[in-house]
Amino acid sequence: MPPSALWTFAHRALSPQFHEDPGRFVDTLDGDTAARFLEHMWRWALESAGANEPAKPPLSYDLQRLPNGALVRMQFRDVRLTGEPWSIRFAVKTAGYARMFLLEHSEYASELAGAPQAIICESCQGGRHQNWGATLAPTDEDGFEKFVFETLRAQAN
Protein backbone atom coordinates (compact mmCIF):
# COMPACT_ATOMS: atom_id res chain seq x y z
CA MET A 1 0.00 0.00 0.00
CA PRO A 2 1.50 3.40 -0.95
CA PRO A 3 1.83 6.10 1.71
CA SER A 4 -1.29 8.14 2.35
CA ALA A 5 -1.69 11.70 1.14
CA LEU A 6 -1.48 12.99 4.72
CA TRP A 7 1.76 11.05 5.39
CA THR A 8 3.19 12.28 2.06
CA PHE A 9 2.17 15.86 2.82
CA ALA A 10 3.95 15.89 6.19
CA HIS A 11 7.02 13.81 5.34
CA ARG A 12 7.66 14.51 1.66
CA ALA A 13 6.20 17.99 1.13
CA LEU A 14 6.39 20.02 4.36
CA SER A 15 9.53 18.45 5.84
CA PRO A 16 11.89 19.16 2.89
CA GLN A 17 10.50 22.69 2.51
CA PHE A 18 11.06 23.36 6.20
CA HIS A 19 14.56 21.88 6.37
CA GLU A 20 15.71 23.56 3.15
CA ASP A 21 15.03 27.06 4.47
CA PRO A 22 13.27 27.28 7.87
CA GLY A 23 13.10 31.08 7.82
CA ARG A 24 11.46 31.19 4.42
CA PHE A 25 9.07 28.39 5.46
CA VAL A 26 7.91 30.42 8.49
CA ASP A 27 7.70 33.64 6.48
CA THR A 28 5.56 31.87 3.86
CA LEU A 29 3.16 30.57 6.51
CA ASP A 30 3.02 34.05 8.01
CA GLY A 31 2.30 35.77 4.70
CA ASP A 32 -0.44 36.31 2.16
CA THR A 33 0.59 33.26 0.12
CA ALA A 34 0.23 30.74 2.99
CA ALA A 35 -3.06 29.22 1.80
CA ARG A 36 -1.82 28.91 -1.79
CA PHE A 37 1.47 27.35 -0.61
CA LEU A 38 -0.29 24.75 1.59
CA GLU A 39 -2.85 23.93 -1.10
CA HIS A 40 -0.08 23.48 -3.69
CA MET A 41 1.82 21.11 -1.35
CA TRP A 42 -1.44 19.26 -0.60
CA ARG A 43 -2.30 18.81 -4.30
CA TRP A 44 1.20 17.40 -4.88
CA ALA A 45 0.75 14.99 -1.94
CA LEU A 46 -2.67 13.87 -3.20
CA GLU A 47 -1.28 13.21 -6.67
CA SER A 48 1.77 11.40 -5.28
CA ALA A 49 -0.45 9.16 -3.15
CA GLY A 50 -2.88 8.46 -5.99
CA ALA A 51 -5.73 10.16 -4.14
CA ASN A 52 -8.05 13.05 -4.97
CA GLU A 53 -9.73 13.86 -1.64
CA PRO A 54 -10.05 15.90 0.42
CA ALA A 55 -9.59 18.84 -1.93
CA LYS A 56 -8.19 21.09 0.83
CA PRO A 57 -5.45 20.15 3.30
CA PRO A 58 -7.07 18.80 6.51
CA LEU A 59 -5.23 21.13 8.86
CA SER A 60 -5.28 24.22 10.96
CA TYR A 61 -2.25 26.10 12.21
CA ASP A 62 -1.07 29.08 14.13
CA LEU A 63 2.24 30.84 14.07
CA GLN A 64 3.77 32.54 17.05
CA ARG A 65 6.64 34.98 16.52
CA LEU A 66 9.03 34.84 19.47
CA PRO A 67 11.81 37.27 20.45
CA ASN A 68 14.38 34.70 19.29
CA GLY A 69 12.51 32.98 16.46
CA ALA A 70 9.12 31.40 15.75
CA LEU A 71 6.93 28.45 16.62
CA VAL A 72 4.40 26.98 14.18
CA ARG A 73 1.71 24.69 15.59
CA MET A 74 -0.07 22.57 13.00
CA GLN A 75 -3.00 20.22 13.78
CA PHE A 76 -4.50 17.66 11.40
CA ARG A 77 -7.92 16.04 10.99
CA ASP A 78 -8.92 12.64 9.62
CA VAL A 79 -5.79 10.86 10.88
CA ARG A 80 -6.13 7.11 10.43
CA LEU A 81 -2.83 5.41 9.59
CA THR A 82 0.49 4.89 11.33
CA GLY A 83 2.85 7.74 10.58
CA GLU A 84 0.16 10.30 9.80
CA PRO A 85 0.61 13.33 12.07
CA TRP A 86 -1.98 14.51 14.53
CA SER A 87 0.22 17.54 15.17
CA ILE A 88 3.50 19.11 14.11
CA ARG A 89 5.64 21.70 15.87
CA PHE A 90 8.12 23.66 13.77
CA ALA A 91 10.59 25.48 16.05
CA VAL A 92 12.95 28.05 14.54
CA LYS A 93 15.53 30.23 16.27
CA THR A 94 16.94 33.30 14.56
CA ALA A 95 20.47 31.86 14.87
CA GLY A 96 19.54 29.22 12.27
CA TYR A 97 18.44 26.47 14.69
CA ALA A 98 15.38 24.59 13.40
CA ARG A 99 13.56 21.45 14.57
CA MET A 100 10.41 19.68 13.39
CA PHE A 101 8.55 17.41 15.84
CA LEU A 102 5.55 15.26 14.89
CA LEU A 103 2.90 13.57 17.01
CA GLU A 104 2.23 10.58 14.74
CA HIS A 105 -0.57 8.06 14.89
CA SER A 106 0.55 4.58 15.93
CA GLU A 107 -1.78 1.68 15.18
CA TYR A 108 0.46 -0.65 17.22
CA ALA A 109 0.54 1.56 20.33
CA SER A 110 -3.21 2.17 19.99
CA GLU A 111 -3.89 -1.55 19.86
CA LEU A 112 -1.75 -2.16 22.96
CA ALA A 113 -3.37 0.69 24.90
CA GLY A 114 -6.91 -0.02 23.75
CA ALA A 115 -7.28 3.66 22.82
CA PRO A 116 -5.83 5.94 20.12
CA GLN A 117 -2.15 6.64 20.76
CA ALA A 118 0.43 8.81 19.06
CA ILE A 119 4.20 8.64 19.19
CA ILE A 120 6.54 11.62 19.23
CA CYS A 121 9.00 11.67 16.35
CA GLU A 122 11.33 14.19 14.80
CA SER A 123 11.89 14.88 11.14
CA CYS A 124 15.55 15.70 10.62
CA GLN A 125 17.38 17.25 7.72
CA GLY A 126 18.26 14.84 4.93
CA GLY A 127 15.10 12.78 5.38
CA ARG A 128 16.19 11.11 8.63
CA HIS A 129 13.37 10.32 11.07
CA GLN A 130 13.96 9.93 14.80
CA ASN A 131 11.46 8.15 17.03
CA TRP A 132 11.63 9.60 20.55
CA GLY A 133 9.76 6.63 22.06
CA ALA A 134 7.21 8.74 23.96
CA THR A 135 3.50 8.08 23.44
CA LEU A 136 0.58 10.39 24.18
CA ALA A 137 -3.10 10.58 23.43
CA PRO A 138 -3.41 12.17 19.97
CA THR A 139 -5.35 15.10 21.44
CA ASP A 140 -2.75 15.86 24.14
CA GLU A 141 -1.49 19.09 22.58
CA ASP A 142 -0.23 20.39 25.93
CA GLY A 143 1.76 17.22 26.62
CA PHE A 144 3.20 17.30 23.11
CA GLU A 145 4.26 20.91 23.43
CA LYS A 146 5.73 20.29 26.89
CA PHE A 147 7.81 17.43 25.46
CA VAL A 148 9.02 19.64 22.59
CA PHE A 149 10.06 22.50 24.89
CA GLU A 150 11.74 20.19 27.41
CA THR A 151 13.67 18.49 24.59
CA LEU A 152 14.74 21.82 23.10
CA ARG A 153 15.81 23.14 26.53
CA ALA A 154 17.76 19.98 27.41
CA GLN A 155 19.63 19.99 24.11
CA ALA A 156 20.39 23.72 24.33
CA ASN A 157 22.31 23.20 27.59
C-alpha atoms as a PDB file:
ATOM      1  CA  MET A   1       0.000   0.000   0.000  1.00  0.00           C
ATOM      2  CA  PRO A   2       1.502   3.398  -0.950  1.00  0.00           C
ATOM      3  CA  PRO A   3       1.830   6.095   1.714  1.00  0.00           C
ATOM      4  CA  SER A   4      -1.292   8.137   2.350  1.00  0.00           C
ATOM      5  CA  ALA A   5      -1.688  11.698   1.139  1.00  0.00           C
ATOM      6  CA  LEU A   6      -1.476  12.985   4.716  1.00  0.00           C
ATOM      7  CA  TRP A   7       1.760  11.054   5.386  1.00  0.00           C
ATOM      8  CA  THR A   8       3.190  12.277   2.063  1.00  0.00           C
ATOM      9  CA  PHE A   9       2.173  15.858   2.821  1.00  0.00           C
ATOM     10  CA  ALA A  10       3.951  15.887   6.193  1.00  0.00           C
ATOM     11  CA  HIS A  11       7.017  13.812   5.339  1.00  0.00           C
ATOM     12  CA  ARG A  12       7.657  14.515   1.657  1.00  0.00           C
ATOM     13  CA  ALA A  13       6.198  17.994   1.132  1.00  0.00           C
ATOM     14  CA  LEU A  14       6.393  20.022   4.358  1.00  0.00           C
ATOM     15  CA  SER A  15       9.526  18.454   5.842  1.00  0.00           C
ATOM     16  CA  PRO A  16      11.887  19.160   2.892  1.00  0.00           C
ATOM     17  CA  GLN A  17      10.497  22.692   2.509  1.00  0.00           C
ATOM     18  CA  PHE A  18      11.062  23.355   6.198  1.00  0.00           C
ATOM     19  CA  HIS A  19      14.558  21.884   6.373  1.00  0.00           C
ATOM     20  CA  GLU A  20      15.706  23.562   3.147  1.00  0.00           C
ATOM     21  CA  ASP A  21      15.033  27.062   4.468  1.00  0.00           C
ATOM     22  CA  PRO A  22      13.271  27.282   7.865  1.00  0.00           C
ATOM     23  CA  GLY A  23      13.101  31.082   7.824  1.00  0.00           C
ATOM     24  CA  ARG A  24      11.459  31.192   4.415  1.00  0.00           C
ATOM     25  CA  PHE A  25       9.068  28.388   5.464  1.00  0.00           C
ATOM     26  CA  VAL A  26       7.915  30.419   8.492  1.00  0.00           C
ATOM     27  CA  ASP A  27       7.701  33.642   6.483  1.00  0.00           C
ATOM     28  CA  THR A  28       5.561  31.873   3.856  1.00  0.00           C
ATOM     29  CA  LEU A  29       3.156  30.568   6.510  1.00  0.00           C
ATOM     30  CA  ASP A  30       3.023  34.050   8.013  1.00  0.00           C
ATOM     31  CA  GLY A  31       2.297  35.765   4.700  1.00  0.00           C
ATOM     32  CA  ASP A  32      -0.443  36.306   2.156  1.00  0.00           C
ATOM     33  CA  THR A  33       0.588  33.256   0.117  1.00  0.00           C
ATOM     34  CA  ALA A  34       0.235  30.737   2.990  1.00  0.00           C
ATOM     35  CA  ALA A  35      -3.060  29.215   1.804  1.00  0.00           C
ATOM     36  CA  ARG A  36      -1.815  28.914  -1.789  1.00  0.00           C
ATOM     37  CA  PHE A  37       1.473  27.348  -0.611  1.00  0.00           C
ATOM     38  CA  LEU A  38      -0.294  24.748   1.588  1.00  0.00           C
ATOM     39  CA  GLU A  39      -2.853  23.933  -1.099  1.00  0.00           C
ATOM     40  CA  HIS A  40      -0.078  23.483  -3.687  1.00  0.00           C
ATOM     41  CA  MET A  41       1.816  21.111  -1.355  1.00  0.00           C
ATOM     42  CA  TRP A  42      -1.443  19.257  -0.602  1.00  0.00           C
ATOM     43  CA  ARG A  43      -2.302  18.808  -4.300  1.00  0.00           C
ATOM     44  CA  TRP A  44       1.195  17.396  -4.877  1.00  0.00           C
ATOM     45  CA  ALA A  45       0.746  14.985  -1.939  1.00  0.00           C
ATOM     46  CA  LEU A  46      -2.672  13.867  -3.204  1.00  0.00           C
ATOM     47  CA  GLU A  47      -1.284  13.207  -6.666  1.00  0.00           C
ATOM     48  CA  SER A  48       1.770  11.399  -5.283  1.00  0.00           C
ATOM     49  CA  ALA A  49      -0.449   9.161  -3.151  1.00  0.00           C
ATOM     50  CA  GLY A  50      -2.878   8.459  -5.993  1.00  0.00           C
ATOM     51  CA  ALA A  51      -5.726  10.164  -4.141  1.00  0.00           C
ATOM     52  CA  ASN A  52      -8.054  13.046  -4.971  1.00  0.00           C
ATOM     53  CA  GLU A  53      -9.733  13.858  -1.641  1.00  0.00           C
ATOM     54  CA  PRO A  54     -10.045  15.900   0.417  1.00  0.00           C
ATOM     55  CA  ALA A  55      -9.591  18.839  -1.927  1.00  0.00           C
ATOM     56  CA  LYS A  56      -8.191  21.093   0.831  1.00  0.00           C
ATOM     57  CA  PRO A  57      -5.451  20.147   3.297  1.00  0.00           C
ATOM     58  CA  PRO A  58      -7.068  18.797   6.505  1.00  0.00           C
ATOM     59  CA  LEU A  59      -5.230  21.134   8.857  1.00  0.00           C
ATOM     60  CA  SER A  60      -5.278  24.221  10.964  1.00  0.00           C
ATOM     61  CA  TYR A  61      -2.248  26.097  12.214  1.00  0.00           C
ATOM     62  CA  ASP A  62      -1.067  29.077  14.127  1.00  0.00           C
ATOM     63  CA  LEU A  63       2.238  30.840  14.065  1.00  0.00           C
ATOM     64  CA  GLN A  64       3.774  32.545  17.054  1.00  0.00           C
ATOM     65  CA  ARG A  65       6.638  34.977  16.522  1.00  0.00           C
ATOM     66  CA  LEU A  66       9.031  34.841  19.472  1.00  0.00           C
ATOM     67  CA  PRO A  67      11.812  37.267  20.449  1.00  0.00           C
ATOM     68  CA  ASN A  68      14.383  34.699  19.291  1.00  0.00           C
ATOM     69  CA  GLY A  69      12.507  32.975  16.457  1.00  0.00           C
ATOM     70  CA  ALA A  70       9.125  31.404  15.752  1.00  0.00           C
ATOM     71  CA  LEU A  71       6.929  28.448  16.617  1.00  0.00           C
ATOM     72  CA  VAL A  72       4.401  26.984  14.181  1.00  0.00           C
ATOM     73  CA  ARG A  73       1.707  24.694  15.593  1.00  0.00           C
ATOM     74  CA  MET A  74      -0.073  22.569  12.999  1.00  0.00           C
ATOM     75  CA  GLN A  75      -3.002  20.223  13.782  1.00  0.00           C
ATOM     76  CA  PHE A  76      -4.498  17.660  11.398  1.00  0.00           C
ATOM     77  CA  ARG A  77      -7.922  16.038  10.985  1.00  0.00           C
ATOM     78  CA  ASP A  78      -8.924  12.642   9.617  1.00  0.00           C
ATOM     79  CA  VAL A  79      -5.791  10.860  10.879  1.00  0.00           C
ATOM     80  CA  ARG A  80      -6.131   7.105  10.430  1.00  0.00           C
ATOM     81  CA  LEU A  81      -2.831   5.414   9.587  1.00  0.00           C
ATOM     82  CA  THR A  82       0.487   4.890  11.330  1.00  0.00           C
ATOM     83  CA  GLY A  83       2.850   7.740  10.578  1.00  0.00           C
ATOM     84  CA  GLU A  84       0.160  10.300   9.805  1.00  0.00           C
ATOM     85  CA  PRO A  85       0.611  13.332  12.067  1.00  0.00           C
ATOM     86  CA  TRP A  86      -1.979  14.506  14.534  1.00  0.00           C
ATOM     87  CA  SER A  87       0.219  17.538  15.167  1.00  0.00           C
ATOM     88  CA  ILE A  88       3.496  19.106  14.110  1.00  0.00           C
ATOM     89  CA  ARG A  89       5.641  21.696  15.867  1.00  0.00           C
ATOM     90  CA  PHE A  90       8.123  23.660  13.773  1.00  0.00           C
ATOM     91  CA  ALA A  91      10.591  25.484  16.047  1.00  0.00           C
ATOM     92  CA  VAL A  92      12.955  28.053  14.536  1.00  0.00           C
ATOM     93  CA  LYS A  93      15.525  30.228  16.273  1.00  0.00           C
ATOM     94  CA  THR A  94      16.938  33.296  14.559  1.00  0.00           C
ATOM     95  CA  ALA A  95      20.473  31.859  14.873  1.00  0.00           C
ATOM     96  CA  GLY A  96      19.537  29.219  12.275  1.00  0.00           C
ATOM     97  CA  TYR A  97      18.443  26.473  14.687  1.00  0.00           C
ATOM     98  CA  ALA A  98      15.382  24.594  13.396  1.00  0.00           C
ATOM     99  CA  ARG A  99      13.562  21.451  14.566  1.00  0.00           C
ATOM    100  CA  MET A 100      10.407  19.679  13.390  1.00  0.00           C
ATOM    101  CA  PHE A 101       8.552  17.408  15.845  1.00  0.00           C
ATOM    102  CA  LEU A 102       5.553  15.264  14.892  1.00  0.00           C
ATOM    103  CA  LEU A 103       2.901  13.575  17.008  1.00  0.00           C
ATOM    104  CA  GLU A 104       2.231  10.581  14.741  1.00  0.00           C
ATOM    105  CA  HIS A 105      -0.567   8.063  14.892  1.00  0.00           C
ATOM    106  CA  SER A 106       0.549   4.580  15.928  1.00  0.00           C
ATOM    107  CA  GLU A 107      -1.776   1.680  15.177  1.00  0.00           C
ATOM    108  CA  TYR A 108       0.457  -0.652  17.215  1.00  0.00           C
ATOM    109  CA  ALA A 109       0.537   1.561  20.328  1.00  0.00           C
ATOM    110  CA  SER A 110      -3.209   2.168  19.994  1.00  0.00           C
ATOM    111  CA  GLU A 111      -3.887  -1.554  19.865  1.00  0.00           C
ATOM    112  CA  LEU A 112      -1.752  -2.162  22.956  1.00  0.00           C
ATOM    113  CA  ALA A 113      -3.373   0.694  24.901  1.00  0.00           C
ATOM    114  CA  GLY A 114      -6.913  -0.020  23.745  1.00  0.00           C
ATOM    115  CA  ALA A 115      -7.284   3.657  22.818  1.00  0.00           C
ATOM    116  CA  PRO A 116      -5.833   5.936  20.124  1.00  0.00           C
ATOM    117  CA  GLN A 117      -2.154   6.641  20.762  1.00  0.00           C
ATOM    118  CA  ALA A 118       0.429   8.807  19.058  1.00  0.00           C
ATOM    119  CA  ILE A 119       4.201   8.644  19.191  1.00  0.00           C
ATOM    120  CA  ILE A 120       6.536  11.621  19.232  1.00  0.00           C
ATOM    121  CA  CYS A 121       9.000  11.670  16.349  1.00  0.00           C
ATOM    122  CA  GLU A 122      11.335  14.191  14.804  1.00  0.00           C
ATOM    123  CA  SER A 123      11.892  14.879  11.138  1.00  0.00           C
ATOM    124  CA  CYS A 124      15.554  15.702  10.623  1.00  0.00           C
ATOM    125  CA  GLN A 125      17.385  17.249   7.723  1.00  0.00           C
ATOM    126  CA  GLY A 126      18.256  14.835   4.926  1.00  0.00           C
ATOM    127  CA  GLY A 127      15.096  12.775   5.382  1.00  0.00           C
ATOM    128  CA  ARG A 128      16.192  11.114   8.633  1.00  0.00           C
ATOM    129  CA  HIS A 129      13.370  10.323  11.070  1.00  0.00           C
ATOM    130  CA  GLN A 130      13.956   9.925  14.801  1.00  0.00           C
ATOM    131  CA  ASN A 131      11.461   8.147  17.033  1.00  0.00           C
ATOM    132  CA  TRP A 132      11.630   9.599  20.552  1.00  0.00           C
ATOM    133  CA  GLY A 133       9.762   6.630  22.064  1.00  0.00           C
ATOM    134  CA  ALA A 134       7.210   8.737  23.963  1.00  0.00           C
ATOM    135  CA  THR A 135       3.499   8.081  23.445  1.00  0.00           C
ATOM    136  CA  LEU A 136       0.577  10.387  24.183  1.00  0.00           C
ATOM    137  CA  ALA A 137      -3.101  10.583  23.426  1.00  0.00           C
ATOM    138  CA  PRO A 138      -3.411  12.171  19.967  1.00  0.00           C
ATOM    139  CA  THR A 139      -5.347  15.101  21.443  1.00  0.00           C
ATOM    140  CA  ASP A 140      -2.750  15.857  24.140  1.00  0.00           C
ATOM    141  CA  GLU A 141      -1.491  19.089  22.578  1.00  0.00           C
ATOM    142  CA  ASP A 142      -0.233  20.390  25.932  1.00  0.00           C
ATOM    143  CA  GLY A 143       1.757  17.218  26.621  1.00  0.00           C
ATOM    144  CA  PHE A 144       3.204  17.296  23.110  1.00  0.00           C
ATOM    145  CA  GLU A 145       4.262  20.914  23.429  1.00  0.00           C
ATOM    146  CA  LYS A 146       5.727  20.292  26.887  1.00  0.00           C
ATOM    147  CA  PHE A 147       7.811  17.428  25.455  1.00  0.00           C
ATOM    148  CA  VAL A 148       9.025  19.637  22.591  1.00  0.00           C
ATOM    149  CA  PHE A 149      10.061  22.499  24.889  1.00  0.00           C
ATOM    150  CA  GLU A 150      11.740  20.191  27.409  1.00  0.00           C
ATOM    151  CA  THR A 151      13.668  18.489  24.593  1.00  0.00           C
ATOM    152  CA  LEU A 152      14.739  21.817  23.103  1.00  0.00           C
ATOM    153  CA  ARG A 153      15.809  23.137  26.530  1.00  0.00           C
ATOM    154  CA  ALA A 154      17.760  19.975  27.411  1.00  0.00           C
ATOM    155  CA  GLN A 155      19.634  19.986  24.109  1.00  0.00           C
ATOM    156  CA  ALA A 156      20.389  23.719  24.332  1.00  0.00           C
ATOM    157  CA  ASN A 157      22.306  23.204  27.593  1.00  0.00           C
END
